């Protein structure tokens, strides 16, 4: 009985591994959020500042399908069959709407439930056209009504607690958030999705941005000898995940970037009081495509009611220091010391780029 069920699960393409559901699913959620809410917010800001109302309309269309975009992205990553994938549009919209401020996290969990339900019945009956969408949407929207509000409230509460703690203890929390988010960004886990799920903005968002920038720019500069300009751009504007194979072989290679993030975090929160008041997803993007800094600038141009504004030359200088200069200086300094002491050997940080 157990063997026949296992065969059925395998035949239906159900992969319940952490790599598929956790790493790939969360990463896809961030991509869907990026392609809807983040891009829509940027377009809306551009339209407001330039007076081109067409951009505002385009931005509104993009942000209006945030839940659907996330759900379809997650479904694609989970290799959902066509009818399951298409049905996730309704599931994502329902979960995001009912999840409130914690909508992204609600979309993630509920989409996983809907995909599993849909895969279990996909192509099992002769009326797949009716059964699969019915089960997928029914299970997904039903789960959204039941689970999205509490998931949303829990995620929102955690995010609020983290932001409150950062306001109360900016030095300690600056270090903690910066180091953790920098490490998460470098691992095959989506730091952007975590920031979006928890709604990390404000001072806590600034600390997250500082940590992500420290790892991306830090690894890019520390490995310049091995990877030259191509590696500098691939890691500094792309992703520090390119270093994961090297880090798995030799974890000590992480020290320069971790040190840079531990310094950069409290500098951002205590010295510059840098706040990320753009979309929360930008807090976990670092310098990838310059999305993190653009998010800060977006918050300056169109600040939320709770933001203090910004955008002065001093603000811009502080952003450049946090995003580029501090990570580059301290990661390079630490890596050079480690090279002289034998902690880093030539070729240790070589990547394929």
C-alpha atoms as a PDB file:
ATOM      1  CA  UNK A   1       0.000   0.000   0.000  1.00  0.00           C
ATOM      2  CA  UNK A   2       2.749   2.398   0.999  1.00  0.00           C
ATOM      3  CA  UNK A   3       4.802   1.524  -2.079  1.00  0.00           C
ATOM      4  CA  UNK A   4       1.845   2.091  -4.413  1.00  0.00           C
ATOM      5  CA  UNK A   5       1.178   5.488  -2.820  1.00  0.00           C
ATOM      6  CA  UNK A   6       4.845   6.410  -3.197  1.00  0.00           C
ATOM      7  CA  UNK A   7       4.675   5.432  -6.842  1.00  0.00           C
ATOM      8  CA  UNK A   8       1.547   7.558  -7.287  1.00  0.00           C
ATOM      9  CA  UNK A   9       3.230  10.564  -5.634  1.00  0.00           C
ATOM     10  CA  UNK A  10       6.276  10.158  -7.870  1.00  0.00           C
ATOM     11  CA  UNK A  11       4.096   9.805 -10.953  1.00  0.00           C
ATOM     12  CA  UNK A  12       2.259  13.024 -10.092  1.00  0.00           C
ATOM     13  CA  UNK A  13       5.548  14.899  -9.777  1.00  0.00           C
ATOM     14  CA  UNK A  14       5.238  15.746  -6.093  1.00  0.00           C
ATOM     15  CA  UNK A  15       8.649  16.829  -4.797  1.00  0.00           C
ATOM     16  CA  UNK A  16       8.340  17.773  -1.125  1.00  0.00           C
ATOM     17  CA  UNK A  17      12.052  18.358  -0.570  1.00  0.00           C
ATOM     18  CA  UNK A  18      13.373  21.506   1.135  1.00  0.00           C
ATOM     19  CA  UNK A  19      15.337  22.347  -1.996  1.00  0.00           C
ATOM     20  CA  UNK A  20      12.179  22.419  -4.114  1.00  0.00           C
ATOM     21  CA  UNK A  21       9.608  23.848  -1.685  1.00  0.00           C
ATOM     22  CA  UNK A  22      11.880  26.048   0.423  1.00  0.00           C
ATOM     23  CA  UNK A  23      14.807  27.304  -1.606  1.00  0.00           C
ATOM     24  CA  UNK A  24      13.308  27.333  -5.094  1.00  0.00           C
ATOM     25  CA  UNK A  25       9.806  28.233  -3.909  1.00  0.00           C
ATOM     26  CA  UNK A  26      10.905  31.202  -1.797  1.00  0.00           C
ATOM     27  CA  UNK A  27      13.286  32.389  -4.493  1.00  0.00           C
ATOM     28  CA  UNK A  28      10.487  32.306  -7.049  1.00  0.00           C
ATOM     29  CA  UNK A  29       8.211  34.242  -4.705  1.00  0.00           C
ATOM     30  CA  UNK A  30      10.771  37.048  -4.617  1.00  0.00           C
ATOM     31  CA  UNK A  31      11.014  37.031  -8.404  1.00  0.00           C
ATOM     32  CA  UNK A  32       7.251  37.340  -8.762  1.00  0.00           C
ATOM     33  CA  UNK A  33       7.207  40.148  -6.231  1.00  0.00           C
ATOM     34  CA  UNK A  34      10.024  41.877  -8.068  1.00  0.00           C
ATOM     35  CA  UNK A  35       8.220  41.648 -11.417  1.00  0.00           C
ATOM     36  CA  UNK A  36       5.009  43.144 -10.025  1.00  0.00           C
ATOM     37  CA  UNK A  37       5.090  45.190  -6.819  1.00  0.00           C
ATOM     38  CA  UNK A  38       8.686  46.415  -7.009  1.00  0.00           C
ATOM     39  CA  UNK A  39       8.673  47.338 -10.681  1.00  0.00           C
ATOM     40  CA  UNK A  40       5.194  48.812 -10.330  1.00  0.00           C
ATOM     41  CA  UNK A  41       6.300  50.986  -7.415  1.00  0.00           C
ATOM     42  CA  UNK A  42       9.322  52.249  -9.349  1.00  0.00           C
ATOM     43  CA  UNK A  43       7.165  53.057 -12.389  1.00  0.00           C
ATOM     44  CA  UNK A  44       4.603  54.812 -10.216  1.00  0.00           C
ATOM     45  CA  UNK A  45       7.323  56.916  -8.584  1.00  0.00           C
ATOM     46  CA  UNK A  46       8.752  57.824 -11.991  1.00  0.00           C
ATOM     47  CA  UNK A  47       5.311  58.823 -13.200  1.00  0.00           C
ATOM     48  CA  UNK A  48       4.669  60.986 -10.153  1.00  0.00           C
ATOM     49  CA  UNK A  49       8.007  62.760 -10.431  1.00  0.00           C
ATOM     50  CA  UNK A  50       7.917  63.298 -14.209  1.00  0.00           C
ATOM     51  CA  UNK A  51       4.210  64.022 -14.559  1.00  0.00           C
ATOM     52  CA  UNK A  52       3.827  61.147 -17.034  1.00  0.00           C
ATOM     53  CA  UNK A  53       0.535  59.714 -15.790  1.00  0.00           C
ATOM     54  CA  UNK A  54       0.841  56.817 -18.226  1.00  0.00           C
ATOM     55  CA  UNK A  55       3.640  55.433 -16.037  1.00  0.00           C
ATOM     56  CA  UNK A  56       1.362  55.650 -13.017  1.00  0.00           C
ATOM     57  CA  UNK A  57      -1.260  53.614 -14.851  1.00  0.00           C
ATOM     58  CA  UNK A  58       1.293  51.004 -15.906  1.00  0.00           C
ATOM     59  CA  UNK A  59       2.612  50.853 -12.351  1.00  0.00           C
ATOM     60  CA  UNK A  60      -0.910  50.406 -10.983  1.00  0.00           C
ATOM     61  CA  UNK A  61      -1.524  47.469 -13.325  1.00  0.00           C
ATOM     62  CA  UNK A  62       1.751  45.859 -12.199  1.00  0.00           C
ATOM     63  CA  UNK A  63       1.121  46.277  -8.476  1.00  0.00           C
ATOM     64  CA  UNK A  64      -2.493  45.173  -8.892  1.00  0.00           C
ATOM     65  CA  UNK A  65      -1.471  41.628  -9.841  1.00  0.00           C
ATOM     66  CA  UNK A  66       1.151  41.156  -7.123  1.00  0.00           C
ATOM     67  CA  UNK A  67      -0.518  38.113  -5.581  1.00  0.00           C
ATOM     68  CA  UNK A  68      -1.044  36.410  -8.935  1.00  0.00           C
ATOM     69  CA  UNK A  69       2.536  37.104 -10.042  1.00  0.00           C
ATOM     70  CA  UNK A  70       3.979  35.578  -6.882  1.00  0.00           C
ATOM     71  CA  UNK A  71       1.739  32.510  -7.040  1.00  0.00           C
ATOM     72  CA  UNK A  72       2.470  31.784 -10.700  1.00  0.00           C
ATOM     73  CA  UNK A  73       6.207  32.243 -10.081  1.00  0.00           C
ATOM     74  CA  UNK A  74       6.094  29.794  -7.176  1.00  0.00           C
ATOM     75  CA  UNK A  75       4.004  27.343  -9.196  1.00  0.00           C
ATOM     76  CA  UNK A  76       6.468  27.498 -12.091  1.00  0.00           C
ATOM     77  CA  UNK A  77       9.364  26.792  -9.706  1.00  0.00           C
ATOM     78  CA  UNK A  78       7.446  23.843  -8.261  1.00  0.00           C
ATOM     79  CA  UNK A  79       6.877  22.519 -11.808  1.00  0.00           C
ATOM     80  CA  UNK A  80       3.103  22.777 -11.595  1.00  0.00           C
ATOM     81  CA  UNK A  81       1.206  21.264 -14.563  1.00  0.00           C
ATOM     82  CA  UNK A  82      -0.487  23.796 -16.902  1.00  0.00           C
ATOM     83  CA  UNK A  83      -3.999  23.733 -15.405  1.00  0.00           C
ATOM     84  CA  UNK A  84      -2.566  23.959 -11.890  1.00  0.00           C
ATOM     85  CA  UNK A  85      -0.294  26.838 -12.884  1.00  0.00           C
ATOM     86  CA  UNK A  86      -3.065  28.863 -14.513  1.00  0.00           C
ATOM     87  CA  UNK A  87      -5.375  28.308 -11.569  1.00  0.00           C
ATOM     88  CA  UNK A  88      -2.824  29.826  -9.210  1.00  0.00           C
ATOM     89  CA  UNK A  89      -3.698  33.302 -10.477  1.00  0.00           C
ATOM     90  CA  UNK A  90      -6.897  33.279  -8.414  1.00  0.00           C
ATOM     91  CA  UNK A  91      -5.190  31.576  -5.464  1.00  0.00           C
ATOM     92  CA  UNK A  92      -2.412  34.166  -5.316  1.00  0.00           C
ATOM     93  CA  UNK A  93      -4.779  37.108  -5.513  1.00  0.00           C
ATOM     94  CA  UNK A  94      -6.931  35.696  -2.726  1.00  0.00           C
ATOM     95  CA  UNK A  95      -3.986  34.891  -0.428  1.00  0.00           C
ATOM     96  CA  UNK A  96      -2.312  38.260  -0.945  1.00  0.00           C
ATOM     97  CA  UNK A  97      -5.539  40.157  -0.374  1.00  0.00           C
ATOM     98  CA  UNK A  98      -6.540  38.216   2.731  1.00  0.00           C
ATOM     99  CA  UNK A  99      -2.990  38.171   4.118  1.00  0.00           C
ATOM    100  CA  UNK A 100      -2.825  41.941   4.521  1.00  0.00           C
ATOM    101  CA  UNK A 101       0.633  43.296   5.351  1.00  0.00           C
ATOM    102  CA  UNK A 102       1.977  39.738   5.525  1.00  0.00           C
ATOM    103  CA  UNK A 103       0.529  38.870   2.131  1.00  0.00           C
ATOM    104  CA  UNK A 104       3.747  37.589   0.508  1.00  0.00           C
ATOM    105  CA  UNK A 105       4.286  34.951   3.187  1.00  0.00           C
ATOM    106  CA  UNK A 106       0.625  33.938   3.014  1.00  0.00           C
ATOM    107  CA  UNK A 107       0.896  33.604  -0.767  1.00  0.00           C
ATOM    108  CA  UNK A 108       3.930  31.355  -0.403  1.00  0.00           C
ATOM    109  CA  UNK A 109       2.402  28.856   2.022  1.00  0.00           C
ATOM    110  CA  UNK A 110      -1.028  28.798   0.404  1.00  0.00           C
ATOM    111  CA  UNK A 111       0.374  28.439  -3.107  1.00  0.00           C
ATOM    112  CA  UNK A 112       2.374  25.411  -1.965  1.00  0.00           C
ATOM    113  CA  UNK A 113      -0.840  23.879  -0.586  1.00  0.00           C
ATOM    114  CA  UNK A 114      -2.699  24.604  -3.828  1.00  0.00           C
ATOM    115  CA  UNK A 115       0.077  23.149  -5.998  1.00  0.00           C
ATOM    116  CA  UNK A 116       0.175  19.942  -3.967  1.00  0.00           C
ATOM    117  CA  UNK A 117      -3.609  19.597  -4.147  1.00  0.00           C
ATOM    118  CA  UNK A 118      -3.624  20.308  -7.863  1.00  0.00           C
ATOM    119  CA  UNK A 119      -0.818  17.877  -8.619  1.00  0.00           C
ATOM    120  CA  UNK A 120      -2.615  15.082  -6.767  1.00  0.00           C
ATOM    121  CA  UNK A 121      -5.526  15.207  -9.218  1.00  0.00           C
ATOM    122  CA  UNK A 122      -3.770  16.450 -12.354  1.00  0.00           C
ATOM    123  CA  UNK A 123      -4.564  14.188 -15.341  1.00  0.00           C
ATOM    124  CA  UNK A 124      -6.074  11.547 -13.048  1.00  0.00           C
ATOM    125  CA  UNK A 125      -9.620  11.902 -14.435  1.00  0.00           C
ATOM    126  CA  UNK A 126     -10.908  12.181 -18.015  1.00  0.00           C
ATOM    127  CA  UNK A 127     -12.294  15.647 -17.212  1.00  0.00           C
ATOM    128  CA  UNK A 128      -8.987  17.182 -16.159  1.00  0.00           C
ATOM    129  CA  UNK A 129     -10.069  20.516 -17.657  1.00  0.00           C
ATOM    130  CA  UNK A 130     -12.678  20.836 -14.893  1.00  0.00           C
ATOM    131  CA  UNK A 131     -11.310  18.793 -11.994  1.00  0.00           C
ATOM    132  CA  UNK A 132      -7.766  20.185 -11.755  1.00  0.00           C
ATOM    133  CA  UNK A 133      -8.665  23.911 -11.768  1.00  0.00           C
ATOM    134  CA  UNK A 134     -11.599  23.222  -9.439  1.00  0.00           C
ATOM    135  CA  UNK A 135      -9.441  21.391  -6.889  1.00  0.00           C
ATOM    136  CA  UNK A 136      -6.523  23.832  -7.172  1.00  0.00           C
ATOM    137  CA  UNK A 137      -8.630  26.953  -6.799  1.00  0.00           C
ATOM    138  CA  UNK A 138     -10.933  25.382  -4.216  1.00  0.00           C
ATOM    139  CA  UNK A 139      -8.067  24.168  -2.025  1.00  0.00           C
ATOM    140  CA  UNK A 140      -6.055  27.351  -2.494  1.00  0.00           C
ATOM    141  CA  UNK A 141      -8.796  29.909  -1.928  1.00  0.00           C
ATOM    142  CA  UNK A 142     -10.243  27.820   0.888  1.00  0.00           C
ATOM    143  CA  UNK A 143      -6.815  27.760   2.556  1.00  0.00           C
ATOM    144  CA  UNK A 144      -6.520  31.489   1.945  1.00  0.00           C
ATOM    145  CA  UNK A 145      -9.716  32.217   3.866  1.00  0.00           C
ATOM    146  CA  UNK A 146      -8.607  29.943   6.690  1.00  0.00           C
ATOM    147  CA  UNK A 147      -4.861  30.596   6.896  1.00  0.00           C
ATOM    148  CA  UNK A 148      -3.987  33.877   5.180  1.00  0.00           C
ATOM    149  CA  UNK A 149      -5.255  36.251   7.912  1.00  0.00           C
ATOM    150  CA  UNK A 150      -3.341  34.554  10.777  1.00  0.00           C
ATOM    151  CA  UNK A 151      -0.218  34.062   8.638  1.00  0.00           C
ATOM    152  CA  UNK A 152      -0.371  37.696   7.589  1.00  0.00           C
ATOM    153  CA  UNK A 153      -0.846  38.913  11.139  1.00  0.00           C
ATOM    154  CA  UNK A 154       2.012  36.738  12.422  1.00  0.00           C
ATOM    155  CA  UNK A 155       4.420  37.907   9.723  1.00  0.00           C
ATOM    156  CA  UNK A 156       3.398  41.500  10.243  1.00  0.00           C
ATOM    157  CA  UNK A 157       3.842  41.185  14.014  1.00  0.00           C
ATOM    158  CA  UNK A 158       7.334  39.735  13.620  1.00  0.00           C
ATOM    159  CA  UNK A 159       8.295  42.475  11.182  1.00  0.00           C
ATOM    160  CA  UNK A 160       6.943  45.171  13.488  1.00  0.00           C
ATOM    161  CA  UNK A 161       8.802  43.635  16.448  1.00  0.00           C
ATOM    162  CA  UNK A 162      12.079  43.569  14.526  1.00  0.00           C
ATOM    163  CA  UNK A 163      11.647  47.177  13.400  1.00  0.00           C
ATOM    164  CA  UNK A 164      10.710  48.267  16.923  1.00  0.00           C
ATOM    165  CA  UNK A 165      13.742  46.482  18.381  1.00  0.00           C
ATOM    166  CA  UNK A 166      15.947  48.190  15.810  1.00  0.00           C
ATOM    167  CA  UNK A 167      14.602  51.579  16.815  1.00  0.00           C
ATOM    168  CA  UNK A 168      15.214  50.770  20.500  1.00  0.00           C
ATOM    169  CA  UNK A 169      18.637  49.126  20.048  1.00  0.00           C
ATOM    170  CA  UNK A 170      19.993  50.345  16.696  1.00  0.00           C
ATOM    171  CA  UNK A 171      23.596  49.283  17.395  1.00  0.00           C
ATOM    172  CA  UNK A 172      22.924  45.678  18.422  1.00  0.00           C
ATOM    173  CA  UNK A 173      20.093  45.109  15.966  1.00  0.00           C
ATOM    174  CA  UNK A 174      22.097  46.800  13.245  1.00  0.00           C
ATOM    175  CA  UNK A 175      24.769  44.131  13.632  1.00  0.00           C
ATOM    176  CA  UNK A 176      22.323  41.233  13.999  1.00  0.00           C
ATOM    177  CA  UNK A 177      20.108  42.117  11.029  1.00  0.00           C
ATOM    178  CA  UNK A 178      22.991  43.083   8.780  1.00  0.00           C
ATOM    179  CA  UNK A 179      24.990  39.910   9.401  1.00  0.00           C
ATOM    180  CA  UNK A 180      22.002  37.556   9.177  1.00  0.00           C
ATOM    181  CA  UNK A 181      20.533  39.074   6.020  1.00  0.00           C
ATOM    182  CA  UNK A 182      23.951  39.210   4.353  1.00  0.00           C
ATOM    183  CA  UNK A 183      24.498  35.515   5.023  1.00  0.00           C
ATOM    184  CA  UNK A 184      20.977  34.657   3.852  1.00  0.00           C
ATOM    185  CA  UNK A 185      21.520  36.641   0.642  1.00  0.00           C
ATOM    186  CA  UNK A 186      24.667  34.669  -0.144  1.00  0.00           C
ATOM    187  CA  UNK A 187      23.063  31.308   0.591  1.00  0.00           C
ATOM    188  CA  UNK A 188      20.594  29.853  -1.941  1.00  0.00           C
ATOM    189  CA  UNK A 189      17.756  31.346   0.108  1.00  0.00           C
ATOM    190  CA  UNK A 190      15.902  34.504  -0.860  1.00  0.00           C
ATOM    191  CA  UNK A 191      16.738  37.407   1.457  1.00  0.00           C
ATOM    192  CA  UNK A 192      14.436  39.561  -0.664  1.00  0.00           C
ATOM    193  CA  UNK A 193      11.531  37.192  -0.017  1.00  0.00           C
ATOM    194  CA  UNK A 194      12.200  37.225   3.729  1.00  0.00           C
ATOM    195  CA  UNK A 195      12.309  41.020   3.867  1.00  0.00           C
ATOM    196  CA  UNK A 196       9.124  41.219   1.809  1.00  0.00           C
ATOM    197  CA  UNK A 197       7.356  38.593   3.921  1.00  0.00           C
ATOM    198  CA  UNK A 198       8.197  40.413   7.152  1.00  0.00           C
ATOM    199  CA  UNK A 199       7.687  43.876   5.672  1.00  0.00           C
ATOM    200  CA  UNK A 200      11.140  45.038   6.779  1.00  0.00           C
ATOM    201  CA  UNK A 201      11.386  48.748   6.072  1.00  0.00           C
ATOM    202  CA  UNK A 202      12.598  51.795   7.976  1.00  0.00           C
ATOM    203  CA  UNK A 203      15.765  51.492  10.049  1.00  0.00           C
ATOM    204  CA  UNK A 204      15.584  47.671  10.065  1.00  0.00           C
ATOM    205  CA  UNK A 205      15.304  47.738   6.281  1.00  0.00           C
ATOM    206  CA  UNK A 206      18.381  49.944   6.166  1.00  0.00           C
ATOM    207  CA  UNK A 207      20.301  47.419   8.281  1.00  0.00           C
ATOM    208  CA  UNK A 208      19.188  44.580   5.981  1.00  0.00           C
ATOM    209  CA  UNK A 209      20.307  46.585   2.960  1.00  0.00           C
ATOM    210  CA  UNK A 210      23.666  47.252   4.619  1.00  0.00           C
ATOM    211  CA  UNK A 211      24.261  43.546   5.210  1.00  0.00           C
ATOM    212  CA  UNK A 212      23.270  42.517   1.703  1.00  0.00           C
ATOM    213  CA  UNK A 213      25.470  45.198   0.134  1.00  0.00           C
ATOM    214  CA  UNK A 214      28.370  44.168   2.383  1.00  0.00           C
ATOM    215  CA  UNK A 215      28.245  40.609   1.088  1.00  0.00           C
ATOM    216  CA  UNK A 216      27.783  41.443  -2.575  1.00  0.00           C
ATOM    217  CA  UNK A 217      30.351  44.235  -2.795  1.00  0.00           C
ATOM    218  CA  UNK A 218      32.549  42.547  -0.195  1.00  0.00           C
ATOM    219  CA  UNK A 219      32.929  39.305  -2.129  1.00  0.00           C
ATOM    220  CA  UNK A 220      33.264  41.203  -5.406  1.00  0.00           C
ATOM    221  CA  UNK A 221      36.201  43.251  -4.104  1.00  0.00           C
ATOM    222  CA  UNK A 222      37.841  40.505  -2.042  1.00  0.00           C
ATOM    223  CA  UNK A 223      37.908  38.167  -5.053  1.00  0.00           C
ATOM    224  CA  UNK A 224      39.030  40.739  -7.625  1.00  0.00           C
ATOM    225  CA  UNK A 225      42.464  39.114  -7.959  1.00  0.00           C
ATOM    226  CA  UNK A 226      40.900  35.861  -9.115  1.00  0.00           C
ATOM    227  CA  UNK A 227      37.882  37.128 -11.031  1.00  0.00           C
ATOM    228  CA  UNK A 228      38.885  40.566 -12.346  1.00  0.00           C
ATOM    229  CA  UNK A 229      36.256  42.923 -13.805  1.00  0.00           C
ATOM    230  CA  UNK A 230      33.831  40.207 -14.886  1.00  0.00           C
ATOM    231  CA  UNK A 231      33.666  38.767 -11.383  1.00  0.00           C
ATOM    232  CA  UNK A 232      33.411  42.217  -9.841  1.00  0.00           C
ATOM    233  CA  UNK A 233      30.302  42.992 -11.894  1.00  0.00           C
ATOM    234  CA  UNK A 234      28.818  39.500 -11.613  1.00  0.00           C
ATOM    235  CA  UNK A 235      28.947  39.571  -7.822  1.00  0.00           C
ATOM    236  CA  UNK A 236      28.593  43.302  -7.179  1.00  0.00           C
ATOM    237  CA  UNK A 237      25.588  43.793  -9.446  1.00  0.00           C
ATOM    238  CA  UNK A 238      24.437  40.192  -9.734  1.00  0.00           C
ATOM    239  CA  UNK A 239      24.679  37.905  -6.734  1.00  0.00           C
ATOM    240  CA  UNK A 240      27.195  36.742  -4.147  1.00  0.00           C
ATOM    241  CA  UNK A 241      25.608  33.275  -4.399  1.00  0.00           C
ATOM    242  CA  UNK A 242      28.287  32.612  -7.007  1.00  0.00           C
ATOM    243  CA  UNK A 243      30.639  32.045  -4.070  1.00  0.00           C
ATOM    244  CA  UNK A 244      28.536  29.263  -2.501  1.00  0.00           C
ATOM    245  CA  UNK A 245      30.625  26.369  -3.952  1.00  0.00           C
ATOM    246  CA  UNK A 246      33.796  27.965  -2.563  1.00  0.00           C
ATOM    247  CA  UNK A 247      32.173  28.654   0.817  1.00  0.00           C
ATOM    248  CA  UNK A 248      31.019  25.050   1.133  1.00  0.00           C
ATOM    249  CA  UNK A 249      34.608  23.888   0.652  1.00  0.00           C
ATOM    250  CA  UNK A 250      36.133  26.554   2.898  1.00  0.00           C
ATOM    251  CA  UNK A 251      33.680  28.418   5.183  1.00  0.00           C
ATOM    252  CA  UNK A 252      36.455  30.703   6.513  1.00  0.00           C
ATOM    253  CA  UNK A 253      36.223  32.584   3.208  1.00  0.00           C
ATOM    254  CA  UNK A 254      33.036  34.130   4.595  1.00  0.00           C
ATOM    255  CA  UNK A 255      34.894  36.169   7.240  1.00  0.00           C
ATOM    256  CA  UNK A 256      35.674  39.331   5.196  1.00  0.00           C
ATOM    257  CA  UNK A 257      32.046  39.773   4.101  1.00  0.00           C
ATOM    258  CA  UNK A 258      30.668  38.958   7.557  1.00  0.00           C
ATOM    259  CA  UNK A 259      33.082  41.452   9.146  1.00  0.00           C
ATOM    260  CA  UNK A 260      32.081  44.105   6.624  1.00  0.00           C
ATOM    261  CA  UNK A 261      28.380  43.508   7.325  1.00  0.00           C
ATOM    262  CA  UNK A 262      28.935  43.618  11.108  1.00  0.00           C
ATOM    263  CA  UNK A 263      30.525  47.054  10.703  1.00  0.00           C
ATOM    264  CA  UNK A 264      28.197  48.308   7.983  1.00  0.00           C
ATOM    265  CA  UNK A 265      24.980  47.519   9.881  1.00  0.00           C
ATOM    266  CA  UNK A 266      25.472  49.770  12.919  1.00  0.00           C
ATOM    267  CA  UNK A 267      27.043  52.457  10.729  1.00  0.00           C
ATOM    268  CA  UNK A 268      23.803  52.480   8.717  1.00  0.00           C
ATOM    269  CA  UNK A 269      21.511  52.473  11.770  1.00  0.00           C
ATOM    270  CA  UNK A 270      23.479  54.624  14.241  1.00  0.00           C
ATOM    271  CA  UNK A 271      25.681  56.960  12.215  1.00  0.00           C
ATOM    272  CA  UNK A 272      23.708  57.570   9.026  1.00  0.00           C
ATOM    273  CA  UNK A 273      20.268  56.483  10.284  1.00  0.00           C
ATOM    274  CA  UNK A 274      19.641  55.049   6.829  1.00  0.00           C
ATOM    275  CA  UNK A 275      16.034  53.994   6.271  1.00  0.00           C
ATOM    276  CA  UNK A 276      14.668  51.775   3.533  1.00  0.00           C
ATOM    277  CA  UNK A 277      11.198  53.189   2.922  1.00  0.00           C
ATOM    278  CA  UNK A 278      10.733  51.866  -0.580  1.00  0.00           C
ATOM    279  CA  UNK A 279       9.216  48.390  -1.130  1.00  0.00           C
ATOM    280  CA  UNK A 280      10.284  45.948   1.597  1.00  0.00           C
ATOM    281  CA  UNK A 281      11.627  43.532  -1.015  1.00  0.00           C
ATOM    282  CA  UNK A 282      14.333  46.087  -1.869  1.00  0.00           C
ATOM    283  CA  UNK A 283      15.765  45.731   1.655  1.00  0.00           C
ATOM    284  CA  UNK A 284      16.937  42.235   0.800  1.00  0.00           C
ATOM    285  CA  UNK A 285      18.260  42.919  -2.702  1.00  0.00           C
ATOM    286  CA  UNK A 286      21.532  44.652  -1.859  1.00  0.00           C
ATOM    287  CA  UNK A 287      23.269  46.052  -4.936  1.00  0.00           C
ATOM    288  CA  UNK A 288      21.724  43.429  -7.235  1.00  0.00           C
ATOM    289  CA  UNK A 289      20.692  45.504 -10.214  1.00  0.00           C
ATOM    290  CA  UNK A 290      21.004  48.484  -7.839  1.00  0.00           C
ATOM    291  CA  UNK A 291      17.511  47.560  -6.601  1.00  0.00           C
ATOM    292  CA  UNK A 292      18.363  48.175  -2.931  1.00  0.00           C
ATOM    293  CA  UNK A 293      19.684  51.722  -3.400  1.00  0.00           C
ATOM    294  CA  UNK A 294      16.867  52.486  -5.854  1.00  0.00           C
ATOM    295  CA  UNK A 295      14.403  51.419  -3.150  1.00  0.00           C
ATOM    296  CA  UNK A 296      15.947  53.915  -0.732  1.00  0.00           C
ATOM    297  CA  UNK A 297      15.732  56.682  -3.329  1.00  0.00           C
ATOM    298  CA  UNK A 298      12.125  55.710  -4.068  1.00  0.00           C
ATOM    299  CA  UNK A 299      11.366  56.133  -0.372  1.00  0.00           C
ATOM    300  CA  UNK A 300      12.925  59.601  -0.460  1.00  0.00           C
ATOM    301  CA  UNK A 301      10.917  60.680  -3.471  1.00  0.00           C
ATOM    302  CA  UNK A 302       7.578  59.215  -2.404  1.00  0.00           C
ATOM    303  CA  UNK A 303       7.911  58.567   1.330  1.00  0.00           C
ATOM    304  CA  UNK A 304       5.156  56.753   3.246  1.00  0.00           C
ATOM    305  CA  UNK A 305       3.347  58.618   6.001  1.00  0.00           C
ATOM    306  CA  UNK A 306       5.629  57.159   8.668  1.00  0.00           C
ATOM    307  CA  UNK A 307       8.873  58.067   6.875  1.00  0.00           C
ATOM    308  CA  UNK A 308      10.954  61.124   7.632  1.00  0.00           C
ATOM    309  CA  UNK A 309      11.750  61.811   3.977  1.00  0.00           C
ATOM    310  CA  UNK A 310      15.294  62.430   2.783  1.00  0.00           C
ATOM    311  CA  UNK A 311      17.149  62.877  -0.462  1.00  0.00           C
ATOM    312  CA  UNK A 312      19.648  65.583   0.503  1.00  0.00           C
ATOM    313  CA  UNK A 313      23.274  65.458  -0.733  1.00  0.00           C
ATOM    314  CA  UNK A 314      24.235  64.163   2.714  1.00  0.00           C
ATOM    315  CA  UNK A 315      21.643  61.381   2.426  1.00  0.00           C
ATOM    316  CA  UNK A 316      22.999  60.413  -0.977  1.00  0.00           C
ATOM    317  CA  UNK A 317      26.550  60.359   0.352  1.00  0.00           C
ATOM    318  CA  UNK A 318      25.520  58.129   3.254  1.00  0.00           C
ATOM    319  CA  UNK A 319      23.790  55.732   0.837  1.00  0.00           C
ATOM    320  CA  UNK A 320      26.950  55.487  -1.284  1.00  0.00           C
ATOM    321  CA  UNK A 321      29.059  54.846   1.814  1.00  0.00           C
ATOM    322  CA  UNK A 322      26.752  52.058   3.045  1.00  0.00           C
ATOM    323  CA  UNK A 323      26.128  50.482  -0.353  1.00  0.00           C
ATOM    324  CA  UNK A 324      29.664  50.559  -1.730  1.00  0.00           C
ATOM    325  CA  UNK A 325      32.509  52.224   0.150  1.00  0.00           C
ATOM    326  CA  UNK A 326      32.324  50.647   3.620  1.00  0.00           C
ATOM    327  CA  UNK A 327      31.782  47.085   2.296  1.00  0.00           C
ATOM    328  CA  UNK A 328      34.609  47.476  -0.232  1.00  0.00           C
ATOM    329  CA  UNK A 329      37.134  48.934   2.226  1.00  0.00           C
ATOM    330  CA  UNK A 330      36.602  46.560   5.147  1.00  0.00           C
ATOM    331  CA  UNK A 331      36.126  43.373   3.117  1.00  0.00           C
ATOM    332  CA  UNK A 332      39.251  44.135   1.087  1.00  0.00           C
ATOM    333  CA  UNK A 333      41.257  44.936   4.209  1.00  0.00           C
ATOM    334  CA  UNK A 334      40.152  41.728   5.966  1.00  0.00           C
ATOM    335  CA  UNK A 335      40.770  39.580   2.891  1.00  0.00           C
ATOM    336  CA  UNK A 336      44.260  40.996   2.385  1.00  0.00           C
ATOM    337  CA  UNK A 337      45.156  40.248   6.002  1.00  0.00           C
ATOM    338  CA  UNK A 338      43.818  36.706   5.581  1.00  0.00           C
ATOM    339  CA  UNK A 339      45.813  36.263   2.376  1.00  0.00           C
ATOM    340  CA  UNK A 340      49.011  37.282   4.161  1.00  0.00           C
ATOM    341  CA  UNK A 341      48.223  34.910   7.047  1.00  0.00           C
ATOM    342  CA  UNK A 342      47.396  32.048   4.679  1.00  0.00           C
ATOM    343  CA  UNK A 343      43.679  31.989   5.503  1.00  0.00           C
ATOM    344  CA  UNK A 344      42.864  32.743   1.876  1.00  0.00           C
ATOM    345  CA  UNK A 345      44.981  31.238  -0.889  1.00  0.00           C
ATOM    346  CA  UNK A 346      44.995  32.382  -4.492  1.00  0.00           C
ATOM    347  CA  UNK A 347      42.162  30.673  -6.337  1.00  0.00           C
ATOM    348  CA  UNK A 348      40.000  30.096  -3.260  1.00  0.00           C
ATOM    349  CA  UNK A 349      37.515  32.764  -4.379  1.00  0.00           C
ATOM    350  CA  UNK A 350      37.541  31.918  -8.082  1.00  0.00           C
ATOM    351  CA  UNK A 351      34.070  31.747  -9.654  1.00  0.00           C
ATOM    352  CA  UNK A 352      32.677  30.787 -13.049  1.00  0.00           C
ATOM    353  CA  UNK A 353      31.495  34.028 -14.628  1.00  0.00           C
END
